[in-house]
Amino acid sequence: MISGLAIALMMVLFLGLWSWAWSKRRQADFIEAAQLPLIEQAPRRPEDPQA
């Protein structure tokens, strides 16, 4: 009984997360994140502290 409820809860959480990630409101964020590896950064100066 408890394992069935746990499975149902996990399924609902999974479907909620899936629908949130694929919603139209998130599309602009994903497009921006997809471009991050292509953005060139300015070269670091030796005097800049390491982050």
Protein backbone atom coordinates (compact mmCIF):
# COMPACT_ATOMS: atom_id res chain seq x y z
CA MET A 1 0.00 0.00 0.00
CA ILE A 2 2.68 2.49 1.03
CA SER A 3 4.94 1.54 -1.88
CA GLY A 4 2.04 2.12 -4.28
CA LEU A 5 1.47 5.58 -2.84
CA ALA A 6 5.19 6.34 -3.05
CA ILE A 7 5.26 5.29 -6.72
CA ALA A 8 2.19 7.41 -7.47
CA LEU A 9 3.75 10.40 -5.71
CA MET A 10 7.03 9.99 -7.61
CA MET A 11 5.11 9.72 -10.89
CA VAL A 12 3.19 12.92 -10.16
CA LEU A 13 6.42 14.72 -9.23
CA PHE A 14 8.13 13.47 -12.39
CA LEU A 15 5.27 14.60 -14.62
CA GLY A 16 5.16 17.98 -12.88
CA LEU A 17 8.88 18.52 -13.38
CA TRP A 18 8.67 17.36 -16.98
CA SER A 19 5.80 19.74 -17.76
CA TRP A 20 7.60 22.63 -16.04
CA ALA A 21 10.80 22.01 -18.01
CA TRP A 22 9.00 21.77 -21.36
CA SER A 23 6.64 24.72 -20.82
CA LYS A 24 6.64 27.62 -23.25
CA ARG A 25 7.72 30.02 -20.49
CA ARG A 26 11.04 28.16 -20.14
CA GLN A 27 11.84 28.14 -23.87
CA ALA A 28 13.74 31.46 -23.84
CA ASP A 29 15.85 30.28 -20.89
CA PHE A 30 16.81 27.09 -22.72
CA ILE A 31 17.70 28.97 -25.89
CA GLU A 32 19.93 31.29 -23.88
CA ALA A 33 21.55 28.38 -22.02
CA ALA A 34 22.22 26.59 -25.32
CA GLN A 35 24.23 29.59 -26.51
CA LEU A 36 26.50 29.75 -23.43
CA PRO A 37 29.21 27.40 -24.76
CA LEU A 38 29.47 29.49 -27.93
CA ILE A 39 30.04 32.82 -26.20
CA GLU A 40 33.68 33.83 -26.15
CA GLN A 41 34.99 35.37 -22.97
CA ALA A 42 37.67 38.02 -22.74
CA PRO A 43 41.09 36.56 -21.85
CA ARG A 44 41.90 36.66 -18.15
CA ARG A 45 44.57 39.02 -16.95
CA PRO A 46 47.27 37.47 -14.75
CA GLU A 47 46.53 39.88 -11.92
CA ASP A 48 42.85 38.83 -11.73
CA PRO A 49 42.15 36.56 -8.75
CA GLN A 50 41.16 32.99 -9.57
CA ALA A 51 37.49 32.30 -8.96
